[in-house]
Structure formats: structure tokens, C-alpha cells
PDB file of all heavy atoms in Angstrom:
ATOM      1  N   ILE A   1     138.827 222.942 -72.620  1.00  0.00           N
ATOM      2  CA  ILE A   1     139.077 223.256 -71.198  1.00  0.00           C
ATOM      3  C   ILE A   1     138.787 222.072 -70.331  1.00  0.00           C
ATOM      4  O   ILE A   1     139.569 221.799 -69.450  1.00  0.00           O
ATOM      5  CB  ILE A   1     138.091 224.437 -70.828  1.00  0.00           C
ATOM      6  CG1 ILE A   1     138.547 225.751 -71.513  1.00  0.00           C
ATOM      7  CG2 ILE A   1     138.045 224.558 -69.312  1.00  0.00           C
ATOM      8  CD1 ILE A   1     137.560 226.836 -71.474  1.00  0.00           C
ATOM      9  N   ILE A   2     137.711 221.264 -70.626  1.00  0.00           N
ATOM     10  CA  ILE A   2     137.403 220.095 -69.869  1.00  0.00           C
ATOM     11  C   ILE A   2     138.561 219.098 -70.026  1.00  0.00           C
ATOM     12  O   ILE A   2     139.029 218.495 -69.069  1.00  0.00           O
ATOM     13  CB  ILE A   2     136.109 219.543 -70.202  1.00  0.00           C
ATOM     14  CG1 ILE A   2     134.985 220.445 -69.818  1.00  0.00           C
ATOM     15  CG2 ILE A   2     135.931 218.130 -69.652  1.00  0.00           C
ATOM     16  CD1 ILE A   2     133.639 220.025 -70.396  1.00  0.00           C
ATOM     17  N   THR A   3     139.028 218.903 -71.219  1.00  0.00           N
ATOM     18  CA  THR A   3     140.079 217.912 -71.511  1.00  0.00           C
ATOM     19  C   THR A   3     141.353 218.263 -70.819  1.00  0.00           C
ATOM     20  O   THR A   3     142.012 217.450 -70.156  1.00  0.00           O
ATOM     21  CB  THR A   3     140.364 217.760 -73.045  1.00  0.00           C
ATOM     22  OG1 THR A   3     139.093 217.375 -73.666  1.00  0.00           O
ATOM     23  CG2 THR A   3     141.397 216.760 -73.312  1.00  0.00           C
ATOM     24  N   VAL A   4     141.784 219.597 -70.843  1.00  0.00           N
ATOM     25  CA  VAL A   4     142.978 220.068 -70.198  1.00  0.00           C
ATOM     26  C   VAL A   4     142.799 219.817 -68.686  1.00  0.00           C
ATOM     27  O   VAL A   4     143.772 219.417 -68.018  1.00  0.00           O
ATOM     28  CB  VAL A   4     143.278 221.525 -70.571  1.00  0.00           C
ATOM     29  CG1 VAL A   4     144.371 222.077 -69.615  1.00  0.00           C
ATOM     30  CG2 VAL A   4     143.664 221.603 -72.024  1.00  0.00           C
ATOM     31  N   GLY A   5     141.656 220.104 -68.156  1.00  0.00           N
ATOM     32  CA  GLY A   5     141.421 219.930 -66.750  1.00  0.00           C
ATOM     33  C   GLY A   5     141.484 218.493 -66.374  1.00  0.00           C
ATOM     34  O   GLY A   5     142.125 218.160 -65.331  1.00  0.00           O
ATOM     35  N   VAL A   6     141.021 217.650 -67.132  1.00  0.00           N
ATOM     36  CA  VAL A   6     141.037 216.222 -66.912  1.00  0.00           C
ATOM     37  C   VAL A   6     142.474 215.718 -66.985  1.00  0.00           C
ATOM     38  O   VAL A   6     142.905 214.968 -66.089  1.00  0.00           O
ATOM     39  CB  VAL A   6     140.152 215.395 -67.953  1.00  0.00           C
ATOM     40  CG1 VAL A   6     140.458 213.953 -67.897  1.00  0.00           C
ATOM     41  CG2 VAL A   6     138.671 215.581 -67.650  1.00  0.00           C
ATOM     42  N   LEU A   7     143.213 216.149 -67.978  1.00  0.00           N
ATOM     43  CA  LEU A   7     144.631 215.679 -68.100  1.00  0.00           C
ATOM     44  C   LEU A   7     145.530 216.325 -67.044  1.00  0.00           C
ATOM     45  O   LEU A   7     146.456 215.620 -66.640  1.00  0.00           O
ATOM     46  CB  LEU A   7     145.117 216.023 -69.535  1.00  0.00           C
ATOM     47  CG  LEU A   7     144.466 215.296 -70.616  1.00  0.00           C
ATOM     48  CD1 LEU A   7     144.961 215.696 -72.009  1.00  0.00           C
ATOM     49  CD2 LEU A   7     144.644 213.758 -70.480  1.00  0.00           C
ATOM     50  N   ALA A   8     145.206 217.548 -66.600  1.00  0.00           N
ATOM     51  CA  ALA A   8     146.024 218.179 -65.557  1.00  0.00           C
ATOM     52  C   ALA A   8     145.924 217.426 -64.283  1.00  0.00           C
ATOM     53  O   ALA A   8     146.951 217.331 -63.553  1.00  0.00           O
ATOM     54  CB  ALA A   8     145.596 219.614 -65.381  1.00  0.00           C
ATOM     55  N   GLY A   9     144.825 216.832 -64.003  1.00  0.00           N
ATOM     56  CA  GLY A   9     144.662 216.072 -62.701  1.00  0.00           C
ATOM     57  C   GLY A   9     145.156 214.569 -62.889  1.00  0.00           C
ATOM     58  O   GLY A   9     145.127 213.902 -61.971  1.00  0.00           O
ATOM     59  N   ALA A  10     145.517 214.289 -64.086  1.00  0.00           N
ATOM     60  CA  ALA A  10     145.876 212.885 -64.354  1.00  0.00           C
ATOM     61  C   ALA A  10     147.008 212.362 -63.496  1.00  0.00           C
ATOM     62  O   ALA A  10     146.990 211.240 -62.968  1.00  0.00           O
ATOM     63  CB  ALA A  10     146.221 212.608 -65.840  1.00  0.00           C
ATOM     64  N   SER A  11     148.097 213.149 -63.352  1.00  0.00           N
ATOM     65  CA  SER A  11     149.230 212.653 -62.602  1.00  0.00           C
ATOM     66  C   SER A  11     148.841 212.461 -61.121  1.00  0.00           C
ATOM     67  O   SER A  11     149.232 211.464 -60.402  1.00  0.00           O
ATOM     68  CB  SER A  11     150.417 213.628 -62.721  1.00  0.00           C
ATOM     69  OG  SER A  11     150.081 214.868 -62.206  1.00  0.00           O
ATOM     70  N   THR A  12     148.110 213.437 -60.579  1.00  0.00           N
ATOM     71  CA  THR A  12     147.612 213.295 -59.215  1.00  0.00           C
ATOM     72  C   THR A  12     146.680 212.071 -59.070  1.00  0.00           C
ATOM     73  O   THR A  12     146.803 211.352 -58.127  1.00  0.00           O
ATOM     74  CB  THR A  12     146.872 214.566 -58.739  1.00  0.00           C
ATOM     75  OG1 THR A  12     147.712 215.641 -59.011  1.00  0.00           O
ATOM     76  CG2 THR A  12     146.436 214.499 -57.341  1.00  0.00           C
ATOM     77  N   ARG A  13     145.788 211.889 -60.033  1.00  0.00           N
ATOM     78  CA  ARG A  13     144.921 210.777 -60.011  1.00  0.00           C
ATOM     79  C   ARG A  13     145.572 209.407 -60.133  1.00  0.00           C
ATOM     80  O   ARG A  13     145.151 208.495 -59.521  1.00  0.00           O
ATOM     81  CB  ARG A  13     143.815 210.935 -61.161  1.00  0.00           C
ATOM     82  CG  ARG A  13     142.926 212.112 -60.969  1.00  0.00           C
ATOM     83  CD  ARG A  13     141.937 211.838 -59.855  1.00  0.00           C
ATOM     84  NE  ARG A  13     140.974 212.985 -59.828  1.00  0.00           N
ATOM     85  CZ  ARG A  13     139.948 212.982 -59.089  1.00  0.00           C
ATOM     86  NH1 ARG A  13     139.643 211.925 -58.337  1.00  0.00           N
ATOM     87  NH2 ARG A  13     139.166 214.000 -59.079  1.00  0.00           N
ATOM     88  N   CYS A  14     146.664 209.348 -60.941  1.00  0.00           N
ATOM     89  CA  CYS A  14     147.328 208.070 -61.083  1.00  0.00           C
ATOM     90  C   CYS A  14     147.866 207.587 -59.777  1.00  0.00           C
ATOM     91  O   CYS A  14     147.766 206.419 -59.389  1.00  0.00           O
ATOM     92  CB  CYS A  14     148.453 208.235 -62.088  1.00  0.00           C
ATOM     93  SG  CYS A  14     147.869 208.320 -63.815  1.00  0.00           S
ATOM     94  N   ALA A  15     148.421 208.546 -58.999  1.00  0.00           N
ATOM     95  CA  ALA A  15     148.955 208.176 -57.684  1.00  0.00           C
ATOM     96  C   ALA A  15     147.802 207.772 -56.809  1.00  0.00           C
ATOM     97  O   ALA A  15     147.900 206.829 -55.971  1.00  0.00           O
ATOM     98  CB  ALA A  15     149.737 209.343 -57.045  1.00  0.00           C
ATOM     99  N   ALA A  16     146.663 208.458 -56.905  1.00  0.00           N
ATOM    100  CA  ALA A  16     145.552 208.190 -56.048  1.00  0.00           C
ATOM    101  C   ALA A  16     144.832 206.912 -56.365  1.00  0.00           C
ATOM    102  O   ALA A  16     144.214 206.299 -55.567  1.00  0.00           O
ATOM    103  CB  ALA A  16     144.506 209.345 -56.142  1.00  0.00           C
ATOM    104  N   GLN A  17     144.990 206.494 -57.649  1.00  0.00           N
ATOM    105  CA  GLN A  17     144.323 205.259 -58.087  1.00  0.00           C
ATOM    106  C   GLN A  17     144.825 204.022 -57.299  1.00  0.00           C
ATOM    107  O   GLN A  17     144.080 203.126 -57.009  1.00  0.00           O
ATOM    108  CB  GLN A  17     144.616 204.973 -59.596  1.00  0.00           C
ATOM    109  CG  GLN A  17     143.831 205.946 -60.472  1.00  0.00           C
ATOM    110  CD  GLN A  17     142.317 205.843 -60.196  1.00  0.00           C
ATOM    111  OE1 GLN A  17     141.756 204.762 -60.269  1.00  0.00           O
ATOM    112  NE2 GLN A  17     141.697 206.930 -59.858  1.00  0.00           N
ATOM    113  N   ALA A  18     146.007 204.072 -56.874  1.00  0.00           N
ATOM    114  CA  ALA A  18     146.617 202.974 -56.105  1.00  0.00           C
ATOM    115  C   ALA A  18     145.821 202.743 -54.811  1.00  0.00           C
ATOM    116  O   ALA A  18     145.775 201.678 -54.244  1.00  0.00           O
ATOM    117  CB  ALA A  18     148.041 203.184 -55.851  1.00  0.00           C
ATOM    118  N   THR A  19     145.242 203.844 -54.303  1.00  0.00           N
ATOM    119  CA  THR A  19     144.531 203.773 -53.045  1.00  0.00           C
ATOM    120  C   THR A  19     143.016 203.672 -53.263  1.00  0.00           C
ATOM    121  O   THR A  19     142.268 203.786 -52.338  1.00  0.00           O
ATOM    122  CB  THR A  19     144.853 205.007 -52.156  1.00  0.00           C
ATOM    123  OG1 THR A  19     144.426 206.211 -52.879  1.00  0.00           O
ATOM    124  CG2 THR A  19     146.293 205.105 -51.865  1.00  0.00           C
ATOM    125  N   GLY A  20     142.594 203.602 -54.490  1.00  0.00           N
ATOM    126  CA  GLY A  20     141.168 203.390 -54.746  1.00  0.00           C
ATOM    127  C   GLY A  20     140.404 204.701 -54.857  1.00  0.00           C
ATOM    128  O   GLY A  20     139.220 204.689 -54.544  1.00  0.00           O
ATOM    129  N   ALA A  21     140.987 205.809 -55.207  1.00  0.00           N
ATOM    130  CA  ALA A  21     140.339 207.106 -55.313  1.00  0.00           C
ATOM    131  C   ALA A  21     139.417 207.201 -56.483  1.00  0.00           C
ATOM    132  O   ALA A  21     139.434 206.359 -57.382  1.00  0.00           O
ATOM    133  CB  ALA A  21     141.372 208.208 -55.362  1.00  0.00           C
ATOM    134  N   GLU A  22     138.546 208.225 -56.520  1.00  0.00           N
ATOM    135  CA  GLU A  22     137.610 208.402 -57.586  1.00  0.00           C
ATOM    136  C   GLU A  22     138.284 208.757 -58.903  1.00  0.00           C
ATOM    137  O   GLU A  22     139.342 209.353 -58.899  1.00  0.00           O
ATOM    138  CB  GLU A  22     136.662 209.551 -57.122  1.00  0.00           C
ATOM    139  CG  GLU A  22     135.817 209.109 -55.930  1.00  0.00           C
ATOM    140  CD  GLU A  22     134.959 210.233 -55.426  1.00  0.00           C
ATOM    141  OE1 GLU A  22     135.137 211.410 -55.760  1.00  0.00           O
ATOM    142  OE2 GLU A  22     133.942 209.903 -54.730  1.00  0.00           O
ATOM    143  N   VAL A  23     137.584 208.491 -59.982  1.00  0.00           N
ATOM    144  CA  VAL A  23     137.999 208.824 -61.318  1.00  0.00           C
ATOM    145  C   VAL A  23     136.840 209.538 -61.977  1.00  0.00           C
ATOM    146  O   VAL A  23     135.728 209.160 -61.934  1.00  0.00           O
ATOM    147  CB  VAL A  23     138.408 207.538 -62.189  1.00  0.00           C
ATOM    148  CG1 VAL A  23     138.899 207.948 -63.547  1.00  0.00           C
ATOM    149  CG2 VAL A  23     139.434 206.731 -61.435  1.00  0.00           C
ATOM    150  N   VAL A  24     137.184 210.656 -62.735  1.00  0.00           N
ATOM    151  CA  VAL A  24     136.219 211.424 -63.443  1.00  0.00           C
ATOM    152  C   VAL A  24     136.290 210.989 -64.922  1.00  0.00           C
ATOM    153  O   VAL A  24     137.326 210.966 -65.510  1.00  0.00           O
ATOM    154  CB  VAL A  24     136.430 212.982 -63.255  1.00  0.00           C
ATOM    155  CG1 VAL A  24     135.450 213.773 -64.021  1.00  0.00           C
ATOM    156  CG2 VAL A  24     136.436 213.284 -61.799  1.00  0.00           C
TER     157      VAL A  24
END
């Protein structure tokens, strides 16, 4: 469940990484 949750947010996080957003 944790892994799926982490991976589900990956695409959103990848875009956010360009702006320096947080990573879990």
C-alpha cells in the first residue's frame, strides 16, 4: 500500500521536482 501510494504520486512529484517541491 505504501509503495503504490509512493508510486502513484511519482508523476505529480516529478513535475513538482523542477520547482523544488518535497520528496517522500
